[in-house]
Protein backbone atom coordinates (compact mmCIF):
# COMPACT_ATOMS: atom_id res chain seq x y z
CA MET A 1 14.23 152.48 186.48
CA ASN A 2 12.75 149.27 187.57
CA LEU A 3 14.27 145.80 188.85
CA ALA A 4 13.69 143.64 185.76
CA SER A 5 15.14 145.86 183.19
CA ALA A 6 18.70 145.54 181.65
CA PHE A 7 19.68 149.02 182.89
CA PHE A 8 18.75 148.27 187.25
CA VAL A 9 21.48 145.16 186.48
CA LEU A 10 23.43 147.23 185.03
CA PHE A 11 23.08 150.06 187.64
CA SER A 12 23.07 147.19 190.49
CA ALA A 13 26.57 146.31 188.97
CA ALA A 14 27.84 149.51 188.87
CA ILE A 15 26.98 150.26 192.20
CA ILE A 16 28.72 146.92 193.59
CA PHE A 17 31.75 148.03 191.98
CA LEU A 18 32.00 151.40 193.37
CA TYR A 19 30.82 150.55 197.03
CA TYR A 20 33.93 148.10 196.83
CA SER A 21 36.20 150.10 194.86
CA PHE A 22 35.94 153.67 197.11
CA PRO A 23 37.72 153.22 200.79
CA ARG A 24 34.75 151.82 203.36
CA ARG A 25 34.31 154.74 204.94
CA PHE A 26 32.89 156.15 202.00
CA GLN A 27 30.47 153.39 201.09
CA TRP A 28 26.89 154.86 202.63
CA LEU A 29 27.47 157.69 200.97
CA ILE A 30 28.03 155.98 197.88
CA LEU A 31 24.41 154.29 198.27
CA THR A 32 23.04 157.46 199.36
CA LEU A 33 23.79 158.89 195.85
CA ALA A 34 22.87 155.77 194.32
CA SER A 35 19.13 156.21 196.05
CA VAL A 36 18.51 159.68 195.05
CA MET A 37 19.51 158.70 191.86
CA PHE A 38 17.50 155.62 191.32
CA TYR A 39 14.55 157.13 193.32
CA ALA A 40 14.91 160.70 191.19
CA THR A 41 14.54 158.55 187.77
CA TYR A 42 10.75 158.36 188.56
CA GLY A 43 10.39 161.76 188.64
CA ILE A 44 11.57 164.62 190.60
CA GLU A 45 8.20 165.27 192.27
CA HIS A 46 8.17 161.76 194.03
CA PHE A 47 11.41 162.58 195.25
CA LEU A 48 10.23 165.76 197.45
CA PHE A 49 7.81 163.81 198.81
CA VAL A 50 10.74 161.91 200.17
CA ILE A 51 12.33 165.16 201.35
CA LEU A 52 9.86 166.34 203.54
CA GLY A 53 8.43 163.23 205.16
CA THR A 54 13.00 162.35 206.51
CA VAL A 55 13.04 166.22 207.26
CA ILE A 56 9.77 165.89 209.53
CA ALA A 57 10.65 162.46 210.93
CA TYR A 58 14.62 163.98 211.81
CA PHE A 59 13.32 166.96 213.75
CA ALA A 60 11.10 165.47 215.37
CA ALA A 61 13.44 162.60 215.88
CA ARG A 62 15.82 165.02 217.67
CA TRP A 63 13.05 167.10 219.47
CA ILE A 64 12.36 164.18 221.02
CA GLN A 65 16.00 162.81 221.92
CA SER A 66 17.06 166.46 223.08
CA ILE A 67 13.67 166.34 225.88
CA TYR A 68 15.33 162.81 226.98
CA ASP A 69 18.95 163.56 227.01
CA ALA A 70 17.98 166.87 229.47
CA SER A 71 16.15 164.63 231.82
CA GLU A 72 18.13 162.11 232.33
CA GLY A 73 17.32 159.73 235.86
CA GLY A 74 13.90 160.43 234.80
CA ALA A 75 12.11 162.93 232.91
CA PRO A 76 9.14 164.94 234.59
CA ALA A 77 5.85 163.56 233.37
CA GLU A 78 5.11 167.95 231.89
CA ARG A 79 8.62 166.27 229.78
CA LYS A 80 6.94 163.33 228.88
CA THR A 81 4.01 165.02 227.89
CA GLU A 82 5.79 167.39 225.56
CA ALA A 83 7.33 164.01 223.66
CA ARG A 84 3.93 162.71 223.53
CA SER A 85 3.03 165.53 221.71
CA ILE A 86 5.56 165.88 219.36
CA LEU A 87 5.15 162.19 218.02
CA LEU A 88 1.46 162.69 217.96
CA TRP A 89 1.95 166.14 215.98
CA MET A 90 4.96 164.49 213.52
CA SER A 91 3.45 161.31 213.34
CA ALA A 92 -0.08 162.64 212.29
CA ALA A 93 2.11 164.58 209.72
CA LEU A 94 3.84 161.75 208.22
CA ALA A 95 0.16 160.46 207.76
CA LEU A 96 -1.33 163.27 205.95
CA LEU A 97 1.31 162.89 203.47
CA LEU A 98 0.54 159.65 202.99
CA ILE A 99 -3.10 160.03 202.97
CA TYR A 100 -2.28 163.19 200.71
CA ALA A 101 -0.41 161.11 198.22
CA LYS A 102 -2.76 158.19 197.98
CA VAL A 103 -6.24 159.61 198.29
CA GLY A 104 -5.83 163.19 197.81
CA ALA A 105 -6.82 163.11 193.87
CA PHE A 106 -9.93 160.92 194.62
CA LEU A 107 -11.11 163.00 197.50
CA ILE A 108 -10.56 166.38 195.32
CA GLN A 109 -12.26 164.84 192.11
CA GLY A 110 -15.42 163.62 194.07
CA ILE A 111 -15.84 166.59 196.06
CA ALA A 112 -15.30 168.28 192.43
CA ASN A 113 -17.99 165.87 191.15
CA LEU A 114 -20.46 166.81 194.49
CA PHE A 115 -20.35 170.85 194.26
CA PHE A 116 -19.19 171.52 190.42
CA GLY A 117 -20.26 168.05 188.56
CA GLY A 118 -17.05 167.59 187.77
CA ARG A 119 -16.42 170.67 185.64
CA THR A 120 -13.08 171.11 187.03
CA ALA A 121 -9.32 170.31 186.36
CA ASN A 122 -7.37 167.24 187.28
CA ALA A 123 -6.21 167.01 190.54
CA PRO A 124 -2.37 167.74 190.44
CA ILE A 125 -1.89 164.91 192.57
CA ILE A 126 0.69 162.19 191.99
CA SER A 127 0.82 158.42 192.73
CA VAL A 128 4.43 158.63 195.12
CA LEU A 129 6.50 155.81 194.66
CA GLY A 130 6.91 154.08 197.52
CA ILE A 131 5.19 156.14 199.91
CA SER A 132 3.62 153.43 202.09
CA TYR A 133 7.09 151.57 202.85
CA TYR A 134 9.09 154.71 203.56
CA THR A 135 6.15 155.98 205.56
CA PHE A 136 5.93 153.57 207.54
CA SER A 137 9.45 153.05 208.16
CA LEU A 138 10.08 156.62 208.95
CA LEU A 139 6.68 156.02 211.50
CA SER A 140 8.20 153.47 213.04
CA TYR A 141 11.28 155.52 213.42
CA LEU A 142 9.66 158.32 215.53
CA ALA A 143 7.81 155.72 217.49
CA ASP A 144 11.26 153.87 218.82
CA VAL A 145 12.71 157.12 219.80
CA TYR A 146 9.78 158.22 221.78
CA TRP A 147 9.83 154.52 223.25
CA LYS A 148 13.26 154.84 223.90
CA LYS A 149 13.74 151.74 221.92
CA ASP A 150 16.17 153.68 219.25
CA ARG A 151 18.16 156.80 219.18
CA ALA A 152 17.54 159.79 217.02
CA GLU A 153 20.11 160.06 214.11
CA THR A 154 22.02 162.81 213.70
CA ASN A 155 23.35 162.92 210.25
CA PHE A 156 20.35 163.46 208.06
CA LEU A 157 21.48 162.18 205.38
CA ARG A 158 22.05 158.65 206.97
CA LEU A 159 18.52 158.72 207.78
CA LEU A 160 17.49 160.08 204.09
CA LEU A 161 19.49 156.92 203.13
CA PHE A 162 17.41 154.36 205.74
CA ALA A 163 14.49 155.97 204.44
CA ILE A 164 15.12 155.43 200.46
CA TYR A 165 17.86 152.91 200.26
CA PHE A 166 17.08 152.13 196.83
CA PRO A 167 16.78 148.44 196.68
CA LYS A 168 13.63 148.43 199.70
CA ILE A 169 11.73 151.55 198.11
CA LEU A 170 10.14 149.70 195.79
CA GLN A 171 8.28 146.95 197.61
CA GLY A 172 9.93 146.93 200.73
CA PRO A 173 10.60 145.24 203.46
CA ILE A 174 9.38 147.91 205.62
CA ALA A 175 12.87 147.93 207.35
CA ARG A 176 13.01 149.39 211.44
CA HIS A 177 15.72 152.07 211.69
CA LYS A 178 17.14 149.80 214.82
CA ASP A 179 17.76 146.80 212.84
CA LEU A 180 18.82 148.54 209.08
CA ALA A 181 20.91 152.13 209.90
CA PRO A 182 23.57 150.14 211.91
CA GLN A 183 24.45 148.13 208.71
CA LEU A 184 24.32 151.46 206.43
CA ALA A 185 26.76 152.55 208.07
CA GLN A 186 29.00 150.00 209.32
CA GLU A 187 31.72 149.47 206.97
CA HIS A 188 32.11 146.04 204.44
CA SER A 189 34.68 143.92 203.29
CA PHE A 190 33.89 142.05 200.06
CA HIS A 191 33.39 138.34 200.40
CA TYR A 192 33.40 136.09 197.91
CA GLN A 193 30.55 134.12 199.57
CA GLU A 194 28.13 136.71 199.68
CA LEU A 195 28.35 137.33 196.34
CA CYS A 196 27.71 133.37 195.02
CA PHE A 197 24.42 133.70 197.80
CA GLY A 198 23.41 137.31 196.71
CA LEU A 199 23.59 136.14 192.94
CA GLN A 200 22.07 132.91 193.60
CA LEU A 201 18.59 134.52 195.78
CA MET A 202 18.91 137.07 192.79
CA LEU A 203 18.37 134.47 190.21
CA TRP A 204 15.78 133.04 192.00
CA GLY A 205 13.93 136.00 192.44
CA TYR A 206 14.17 136.52 188.67
CA PHE A 207 12.87 133.25 188.02
CA LYS A 208 9.84 133.77 189.33
CA LYS A 209 9.20 137.34 188.25
CA MET A 210 9.82 137.29 184.63
CA VAL A 211 9.47 132.97 184.36
CA ILE A 212 6.74 132.15 186.19
CA ALA A 213 4.70 135.52 187.54
CA ASP A 214 4.81 137.33 183.76
CA ARG A 215 3.80 134.55 181.93
CA LEU A 216 0.69 133.61 184.56
CA ALA A 217 -0.18 137.62 184.27
CA LEU A 218 -0.71 137.12 180.66
CA PHE A 219 -3.53 134.39 181.08
CA VAL A 220 -5.14 136.41 184.04
CA ASN A 221 -4.91 139.59 182.34
CA THR A 222 -6.68 137.90 179.84
CA VAL A 223 -9.30 135.81 181.41
CA PHE A 224 -10.56 138.83 183.95
CA GLY A 225 -10.38 141.18 180.91
CA ASN A 226 -13.62 139.54 179.92
CA VAL A 227 -15.28 138.26 183.46
CA THR A 228 -18.52 138.64 181.93
CA GLY A 229 -18.14 136.44 178.85
CA GLU A 230 -15.68 133.72 180.27
CA SER A 231 -16.65 130.07 181.86
CA GLY A 232 -16.44 129.30 185.11
CA ALA A 233 -13.53 127.09 184.22
CA HIS A 234 -11.52 130.06 183.10
CA LEU A 235 -12.26 132.18 185.85
CA LEU A 236 -11.28 129.21 188.67
CA ILE A 237 -7.69 128.97 186.57
CA ALA A 238 -7.48 132.41 186.81
CA SER A 239 -7.95 133.19 190.26
CA ILE A 240 -5.38 130.20 191.12
CA PHE A 241 -3.08 131.27 188.66
CA GLY A 242 -3.82 135.15 190.08
CA ALA A 243 -2.42 133.41 193.48
CA PHE A 244 0.49 132.15 192.23
CA GLN A 245 1.45 135.51 190.43
CA LEU A 246 1.20 137.50 193.37
CA TYR A 247 3.54 135.65 195.37
CA CYS A 248 6.15 134.90 192.42
CA ASP A 249 5.59 138.78 191.51
CA PHE A 250 6.09 139.89 195.05
CA SER A 251 8.46 137.42 196.26
CA GLY A 252 10.64 137.78 193.52
CA CYS A 253 11.26 141.23 194.09
CA MET A 254 12.10 140.47 197.97
CA ASP A 255 14.35 137.99 196.46
CA ILE A 256 16.30 140.24 193.85
CA ILE A 257 16.72 143.53 196.29
CA GLY A 258 17.48 140.75 198.83
CA GLY A 259 20.42 139.24 197.20
CA PHE A 260 21.58 142.57 196.13
CA SER A 261 21.66 143.68 199.57
CA GLN A 262 23.39 140.50 201.17
CA ILE A 263 26.57 140.90 198.07
CA LEU A 264 26.84 144.83 199.93
CA GLY A 265 26.98 142.59 203.34
CA LEU A 266 23.44 143.76 203.98
CA ARG A 267 20.83 141.91 205.37
CA LEU A 268 17.06 143.09 204.84
CA GLU A 269 14.18 141.31 207.09
CA THR A 270 12.64 138.12 205.65
CA ASN A 271 9.69 139.16 204.32
CA PHE A 272 8.20 135.88 203.31
CA ASN A 273 8.01 132.16 204.29
CA HIS A 274 6.55 130.01 202.21
CA PRO A 275 3.21 130.96 202.92
CA PHE A 276 1.45 128.33 200.89
CA PHE A 277 2.55 125.96 203.56
CA SER A 278 0.32 127.96 205.84
CA ARG A 279 -2.66 125.41 207.88
CA SER A 280 -4.59 128.85 208.96
CA ALA A 281 -5.26 132.08 208.06
CA ALA A 282 -3.44 133.49 211.49
CA GLU A 283 -0.30 131.22 209.85
CA PHE A 284 -0.73 132.56 206.60
CA TRP A 285 -0.22 136.14 207.70
CA ARG A 286 2.64 135.22 209.86
CA ARG A 287 4.51 134.18 206.26
CA TRP A 288 2.89 136.83 203.84
CA HIS A 289 4.25 140.12 204.09
CA ILE A 290 5.87 139.81 207.37
CA THR A 291 7.19 143.02 207.74
CA LEU A 292 3.63 144.60 207.55
CA GLY A 293 2.55 142.15 209.12
CA THR A 294 5.18 143.31 212.13
CA TRP A 295 4.41 146.81 211.88
CA PHE A 296 0.64 146.59 212.18
CA LYS A 297 1.10 144.79 215.17
CA ASP A 298 3.56 146.66 217.36
CA TYR A 299 2.48 149.85 216.24
CA ILE A 300 -1.68 149.63 215.97
CA TYR A 301 -2.50 146.28 217.15
CA MET A 302 -0.47 146.33 220.64
CA PRO A 303 -1.18 149.94 221.72
CA LEU A 304 -4.70 149.32 221.06
CA ALA A 305 -4.72 146.49 223.07
CA ILE A 306 -2.97 147.70 226.62
CA SER A 307 -4.80 151.18 226.01
CA PRO A 308 -6.44 151.96 229.40
CA LYS A 309 -9.95 152.55 227.54
CA LEU A 310 -10.09 149.42 225.44
CA ILE A 311 -9.17 147.50 229.42
CA GLY A 312 -11.66 149.26 230.72
CA PHE A 313 -14.35 148.40 227.95
CA SER A 314 -13.50 144.83 228.15
CA LYS A 315 -13.81 145.11 231.98
CA LYS A 316 -17.54 146.21 231.90
CA VAL A 317 -18.39 144.04 228.87
CA ARG A 318 -16.99 140.96 230.94
CA GLU A 319 -18.77 142.60 234.13
CA ARG A 320 -21.74 142.23 232.16
CA PHE A 321 -21.58 139.17 229.50
CA GLY A 322 -18.88 137.02 230.93
CA ILE A 323 -15.47 136.78 230.72
CA ARG A 324 -15.01 135.34 227.55
CA ALA A 325 -16.71 138.11 225.86
CA GLY A 326 -14.32 140.76 227.80
CA ARG A 327 -11.60 139.13 226.58
CA ALA A 328 -12.97 138.95 222.67
CA VAL A 329 -13.42 142.47 222.93
CA MET A 330 -9.56 142.66 223.58
CA THR A 331 -9.05 140.66 220.50
CA VAL A 332 -11.75 142.13 218.20
CA ILE A 333 -11.21 145.38 218.18
CA PRO A 334 -7.80 145.97 217.67
CA SER A 335 -7.80 142.94 215.11
CA ALA A 336 -10.97 145.01 212.91
CA VAL A 337 -8.52 148.72 213.16
CA VAL A 338 -5.79 146.40 211.88
CA TRP A 339 -7.18 144.74 208.99
CA ILE A 340 -9.32 148.05 207.67
CA LEU A 341 -6.53 149.68 207.57
CA THR A 342 -4.44 147.15 205.94
CA GLY A 343 -7.03 147.34 203.34
CA ILE A 344 -6.62 150.58 202.90
CA TRP A 345 -2.94 150.61 203.51
CA HIS A 346 -3.13 148.35 199.74
CA SER A 347 -5.32 149.99 197.99
CA VAL A 348 -7.81 153.27 198.02
CA GLY A 349 -11.47 151.63 197.44
CA TRP A 350 -14.55 149.17 198.61
CA SER A 351 -12.45 146.33 196.83
CA TYR A 352 -9.53 146.91 199.53
CA ILE A 353 -12.09 147.39 201.96
CA ALA A 354 -13.66 143.67 201.13
CA TRP A 355 -10.85 142.12 201.10
CA GLY A 356 -9.72 143.51 204.88
CA ILE A 357 -12.98 142.92 206.40
CA TYR A 358 -12.77 139.39 204.53
CA TRP A 359 -9.65 138.54 206.54
CA GLY A 360 -10.03 140.04 209.33
CA ILE A 361 -12.86 137.82 210.09
CA LEU A 362 -11.90 134.80 209.14
CA ILE A 363 -8.38 135.73 211.48
CA ILE A 364 -10.96 137.06 214.29
CA SER A 365 -13.58 134.09 213.95
CA SER A 366 -10.88 131.55 214.46
CA THR A 367 -9.63 132.95 217.48
CA VAL A 368 -12.36 133.78 219.16
CA PHE A 369 -14.29 130.10 218.28
CA ALA A 370 -10.96 128.36 218.49
CA PRO A 371 -12.78 126.25 221.51
CA GLU A 372 -16.07 125.43 219.26
CA LEU A 373 -13.66 124.49 216.55
CA LYS A 374 -11.56 122.17 218.74
CA LYS A 375 -14.95 120.47 220.13
CA LEU A 376 -15.90 120.01 216.13
CA THR A 377 -12.75 118.59 215.30
CA GLU A 378 -12.76 116.12 218.13
CA ALA A 379 -16.66 115.62 217.66
CA LEU A 380 -15.68 114.31 213.90
CA HIS A 381 -12.91 112.28 215.40
CA ILE A 382 -10.18 113.76 213.26
CA ASN A 383 -6.91 113.17 213.58
CA THR A 384 -4.95 116.37 213.72
CA LYS A 385 -2.07 114.77 213.40
CA ALA A 386 -2.19 112.99 210.02
CA GLY A 387 -0.37 114.13 207.24
CA SER A 388 -3.96 114.38 205.33
CA TRP A 389 -5.36 116.30 207.69
CA LYS A 390 -2.00 118.75 207.56
CA VAL A 391 -2.68 118.92 203.67
CA PHE A 392 -6.11 119.89 203.92
CA GLN A 393 -4.90 122.64 206.10
CA MET A 394 -2.91 123.63 203.61
CA VAL A 395 -4.97 122.97 200.40
CA ARG A 396 -7.93 125.16 202.65
CA THR A 397 -5.98 128.09 203.02
CA PHE A 398 -4.43 128.61 199.94
CA SER A 399 -8.27 128.41 198.58
CA LEU A 400 -9.22 131.18 200.84
CA PHE A 401 -6.38 133.28 199.41
CA VAL A 402 -7.39 132.78 195.56
CA ILE A 403 -11.11 133.72 197.37
CA SER A 404 -9.12 137.05 198.43
CA ARG A 405 -7.44 137.30 195.37
CA ILE A 406 -10.59 137.34 193.32
CA LEU A 407 -12.14 140.46 195.61
CA THR A 408 -8.99 142.26 194.54
CA ILE A 409 -7.56 141.28 190.69
CA PRO A 410 -11.03 142.90 188.91
CA GLY A 411 -10.15 146.00 190.71
CA ASP A 412 -14.16 146.30 191.06
CA LEU A 413 -16.35 144.86 193.94
CA ASN A 414 -19.19 144.26 191.20
CA ARG A 415 -16.73 142.82 188.77
CA SER A 416 -15.78 140.63 191.66
CA VAL A 417 -18.97 139.61 192.11
CA GLN A 418 -19.46 138.89 188.15
CA VAL A 419 -16.45 136.52 188.68
CA PHE A 420 -17.90 134.22 191.57
CA GLN A 421 -21.28 134.03 189.75
CA GLY A 422 -19.34 133.34 186.95
CA ILE A 423 -17.63 130.50 188.77
CA LEU A 424 -20.82 128.89 190.34
CA THR A 425 -23.49 129.05 187.49
CA ARG A 426 -21.26 129.02 184.23
CA PHE A 427 -18.93 126.11 184.95
CA HIS A 428 -18.09 123.81 182.29
CA PRO A 429 -15.71 121.19 183.76
CA GLU A 430 -15.35 120.60 180.01
CA HIS A 431 -13.60 123.90 179.13
CA PHE A 432 -10.56 122.14 181.27
CA PHE A 433 -10.30 119.48 178.31
CA ASP A 434 -11.15 121.18 174.99
CA GLY A 435 -8.49 122.89 174.38
CA SER A 436 -9.82 126.73 175.02
CA LEU A 437 -7.86 127.28 177.84
CA TYR A 438 -4.51 127.76 175.12
CA THR A 439 -6.70 130.76 173.94
CA LEU A 440 -6.44 133.17 176.89
CA GLY A 441 -2.96 134.49 176.56
CA LEU A 442 -1.02 131.16 176.56
CA ASP A 443 -0.86 128.84 174.04
CA ARG A 444 -0.08 124.83 174.79
CA PRO A 445 3.52 125.10 175.31
CA ASN A 446 3.67 128.03 177.61
CA PHE A 447 0.20 126.97 179.47
CA ILE A 448 2.40 123.68 180.29
CA LEU A 449 5.52 125.18 181.09
CA ALA A 450 3.26 127.77 183.24
CA ILE A 451 2.66 124.35 185.01
CA VAL A 452 5.77 123.19 185.26
CA CYS A 453 7.21 126.21 186.38
CA ILE A 454 4.65 126.25 189.44
CA PHE A 455 5.81 122.30 190.16
CA ILE A 456 9.57 123.62 189.89
CA LEU A 457 8.40 126.77 192.82
CA TRP A 458 6.81 124.11 195.02
CA ALA A 459 10.03 121.57 195.21
CA VAL A 460 12.54 124.71 195.96
CA SER A 461 10.13 125.48 198.65
CA MET A 462 9.87 122.29 200.15
CA LEU A 463 13.78 121.94 200.19
CA GLN A 464 13.93 125.59 201.96
CA GLU A 465 11.62 124.38 204.14
CA ARG A 466 13.96 121.90 205.09
CA GLY A 467 16.77 124.00 205.34
CA PRO A 468 19.18 126.71 203.37
CA VAL A 469 18.91 125.80 199.98
CA ARG A 470 22.23 127.81 199.31
CA GLU A 471 24.29 126.51 201.93
CA ARG A 472 23.30 123.02 200.14
CA ILE A 473 24.29 124.42 196.77
CA ALA A 474 27.76 125.98 198.03
CA ARG A 475 28.49 122.75 199.78
CA SER A 476 28.28 120.81 196.42
CA ASN A 477 31.09 120.34 193.48
CA ILE A 478 31.80 122.85 191.25
CA VAL A 479 30.55 120.99 188.39
CA PHE A 480 26.80 121.21 190.08
CA ARG A 481 26.94 123.93 191.55
CA TRP A 482 27.79 125.80 188.13
CA MET A 483 25.30 124.01 186.31
CA ILE A 484 23.02 124.79 188.78
CA TYR A 485 23.90 128.64 187.76
CA TYR A 486 23.95 127.83 183.89
CA THR A 487 20.42 126.44 184.17
CA ALA A 488 18.95 129.40 186.43
CA PHE A 489 20.49 132.23 183.89
CA PHE A 490 19.50 130.70 180.66
CA ALA A 491 15.99 129.68 181.99
CA ILE A 492 15.26 133.54 182.73
CA VAL A 493 16.70 134.59 179.33
CA ILE A 494 14.89 131.79 177.21
CA PHE A 495 11.64 131.99 179.10
CA GLY A 496 11.38 135.12 180.83
CA ILE A 497 8.49 137.46 179.35
CA TYR A 498 9.53 140.00 176.69
CA GLY A 499 8.46 141.88 174.21
CA PRO A 500 7.25 145.28 172.54
CA GLY A 501 4.97 146.88 175.11
CA TYR A 502 5.68 144.62 178.07
CA ASP A 503 7.02 145.99 181.11
CA ALA A 504 9.05 143.50 183.09
CA ALA A 505 8.85 144.82 186.32
CA SER A 506 5.45 146.12 186.85
CA PHE A 507 5.86 144.68 190.35
CA VAL A 508 2.09 144.42 192.27
CA TYR A 509 3.36 146.00 194.98
CA MET A 510 5.15 148.74 193.82
CA GLN A 511 1.99 150.97 193.78
CA TYR A 512 1.76 151.01 197.56
């Protein structure tokens, strides 16, 4: 079952009807059953991973909580050590599940190739749906219980619902137990305004996914399917389209599940905040996949940054090389670890490791060399408050993102190098105007429509930057409101990408 299928729409409508038809004390049970059914449609083997991970998190958190409850007024040092050991061992177990599901098949096949020349059966490993999302959610839950920021859940089914609440299992967001679990347990009444707001957000999500992202994908896949034969002009346009494709694909999913959850009275964490308006790489990652960034910050970066060993090492560096070098160590090492892990989180392979190193270098450099960059700006007499400078910064940040997409779209570093070579050595400007653009997956009307849709995306995003658009629509007269609803609905029906062999919901981030 996928988010852009008619079956998902009918399934969601049925869940909303049952959710508000049964007594409110059963609402969380309806969502639990719906989530189990939804996940089971992808295969029972996927569900076994979820159950095992939730069992580990459930008993580990209960164990840690029992240690704290038995030591009220201050836990003895040995009890704290016991709780820490439980956290480390159980977190390691969850991490091993994640690693096994992500890279187990590659490791086993690699060992087979090394020692047996590959003469073995294929490794019986599966690509477990959404394992990164619910594993990270469970890891943060364990850490929060250990740090006393949350209490252990006593009801296993409620914890299971938190782990696999079906709208967020495909692409996130990475939820925190202390934020989402109380909402899932709460009884919710039907509100017409929430229904309208939720449907509006879902329509916008489907428009971004089915009208923009999947239309751009036709062009991107065609061009990147022949990187050695295409001209640099075509590769450049495909790279730019690939950036918009990923954004509309991923944020479209967030809008669909966010709108559905709002109809149920639930608020999922914001995962996107118009990242293409960012003026720096650091700001971009504060606006893109926000819950992943905050997860790495809270559970990887900060523990490393305040660890006694790193502080001690920084002190030694400071004594030998100066204060600035010591401070740089406190930034460079945690950031480098975070970005390498972020690359690995996205996918196995050198492409995403290079992608993580790329973003790590950009963000670390901008932080470490901030004084030099400021002096350079002053030396060039750049008015940093001018609108033109802000536009330049946005274009620069977007260009950096396009480069990062070239590292990942081809799926292989060698092919990425070929794309860069093609753009630099086979760039023929006339290919922008000779009609060849309309032979690469999109004919002239669809290519023009894609450009128009990108402009609509920009215009709506500008309005959203200035304030909630849905509230403005709600304050408008009924004729204008319904004109917007009908326009959005029929735009999806008429201009959405369908057809034989087309998978309407192969959302990019479902693989993670």
